[in-house]
Amino acid sequence: MKDIRNRYREMVAQVPQPIKDEIDLSFAISNRIDSLMKERGLSKKQFADALGKRPGEVTRWLSGQHNFTISTLAMLSTFFGKSIISV
């Protein structure tokens, strides 16, 4: 098991910092959306229905791997009445 952990650490160390930063930001956005959904007591389906989206799209948003447009982030901020990200 120790060899696997060491190999994992070696692989992660090889990832360029800008890529790590992008991944961290993507997961922070998805975590923020998930947190705001929970605050409102919304399921994925309820959230998707309220936005006129498919549940699969919400699933992609929450995966941490979706590349959000500024337009989508603005729409989500408006929906929740709270910012998704701050600059």
Protein backbone atom coordinates (compact mmCIF):
# COMPACT_ATOMS: atom_id res chain seq x y z
CA MET A 1 0.00 0.00 0.00
CA LYS A 2 2.86 2.36 0.79
CA ASP A 3 4.24 1.91 -2.75
CA ILE A 4 0.88 2.91 -4.23
CA ARG A 5 0.77 6.06 -2.09
CA ASN A 6 4.32 6.96 -3.04
CA ARG A 7 3.59 6.42 -6.73
CA TYR A 8 0.45 8.53 -6.45
CA ARG A 9 2.42 11.36 -4.81
CA GLU A 10 5.03 11.16 -7.57
CA MET A 11 2.35 11.38 -10.26
CA VAL A 12 0.63 14.34 -8.59
CA ALA A 13 3.96 16.13 -8.20
CA GLN A 14 4.39 15.98 -11.98
CA VAL A 15 1.14 17.83 -12.69
CA PRO A 16 1.88 21.49 -13.51
CA GLN A 17 0.63 23.99 -10.92
CA PRO A 18 -1.77 25.79 -13.33
CA ILE A 19 -3.53 22.47 -13.94
CA LYS A 20 -3.76 21.80 -10.20
CA ASP A 21 -5.20 25.29 -9.70
CA GLU A 22 -7.78 24.72 -12.44
CA ILE A 23 -8.85 21.42 -10.87
CA ASP A 24 -9.10 23.01 -7.42
CA LEU A 25 -11.25 25.84 -8.78
CA SER A 26 -13.52 23.44 -10.68
CA PHE A 27 -14.16 21.42 -7.54
CA ALA A 28 -14.65 24.57 -5.45
CA ILE A 29 -17.36 25.72 -7.88
CA SER A 30 -19.12 22.35 -7.84
CA ASN A 31 -18.91 22.23 -4.04
CA ARG A 32 -20.40 25.75 -3.84
CA ILE A 33 -23.32 24.77 -6.06
CA ASP A 34 -23.90 21.61 -4.03
CA SER A 35 -23.82 23.61 -0.80
CA LEU A 36 -26.33 26.16 -2.12
CA MET A 37 -28.62 23.38 -3.33
CA LYS A 38 -28.53 21.79 0.13
CA GLU A 39 -29.26 25.17 1.75
CA ARG A 40 -32.43 25.34 -0.33
CA GLY A 41 -33.24 21.65 0.14
CA LEU A 42 -33.14 21.01 -3.61
CA SER A 43 -32.57 17.64 -5.19
CA LYS A 44 -30.76 17.47 -8.53
CA LYS A 45 -34.08 16.97 -10.29
CA GLN A 46 -35.78 19.88 -8.52
CA PHE A 47 -32.81 22.12 -9.25
CA ALA A 48 -32.73 21.08 -12.91
CA ASP A 49 -36.49 21.62 -13.27
CA ALA A 50 -36.27 25.08 -11.67
CA LEU A 51 -33.59 26.07 -14.19
CA GLY A 52 -35.16 24.36 -17.20
CA LYS A 53 -32.17 22.01 -17.45
CA ARG A 54 -31.81 18.26 -17.63
CA PRO A 55 -30.77 16.44 -14.44
CA GLY A 56 -27.77 15.08 -16.34
CA GLU A 57 -26.48 18.60 -16.83
CA VAL A 58 -26.70 19.28 -13.11
CA THR A 59 -24.83 16.02 -12.50
CA ARG A 60 -22.04 17.27 -14.79
CA TRP A 61 -21.95 20.58 -12.91
CA LEU A 62 -21.57 18.73 -9.62
CA SER A 63 -18.89 16.38 -10.95
CA GLY A 64 -16.17 19.02 -10.67
CA GLN A 65 -15.23 18.46 -14.29
CA HIS A 66 -17.58 20.87 -16.05
CA ASN A 67 -16.13 23.91 -17.81
CA PHE A 68 -18.55 26.66 -16.78
CA THR A 69 -19.20 29.67 -18.95
CA ILE A 70 -19.46 33.10 -17.38
CA SER A 71 -23.07 33.15 -18.52
CA THR A 72 -23.88 29.94 -16.62
CA LEU A 73 -22.12 31.16 -13.49
CA ALA A 74 -24.06 34.43 -13.66
CA MET A 75 -27.34 32.55 -14.12
CA LEU A 76 -26.57 30.32 -11.12
CA SER A 77 -25.61 33.34 -8.98
CA THR A 78 -28.89 35.01 -9.90
CA PHE A 79 -30.88 31.86 -9.15
CA PHE A 80 -29.36 31.45 -5.69
CA GLY A 81 -29.08 35.17 -4.96
CA LYS A 82 -25.50 34.51 -3.90
CA SER A 83 -22.21 34.52 -5.74
CA ILE A 84 -20.81 31.24 -7.00
CA ILE A 85 -17.28 32.63 -7.32
CA SER A 86 -15.67 35.93 -6.39
CA VAL A 87 -12.95 37.79 -8.22
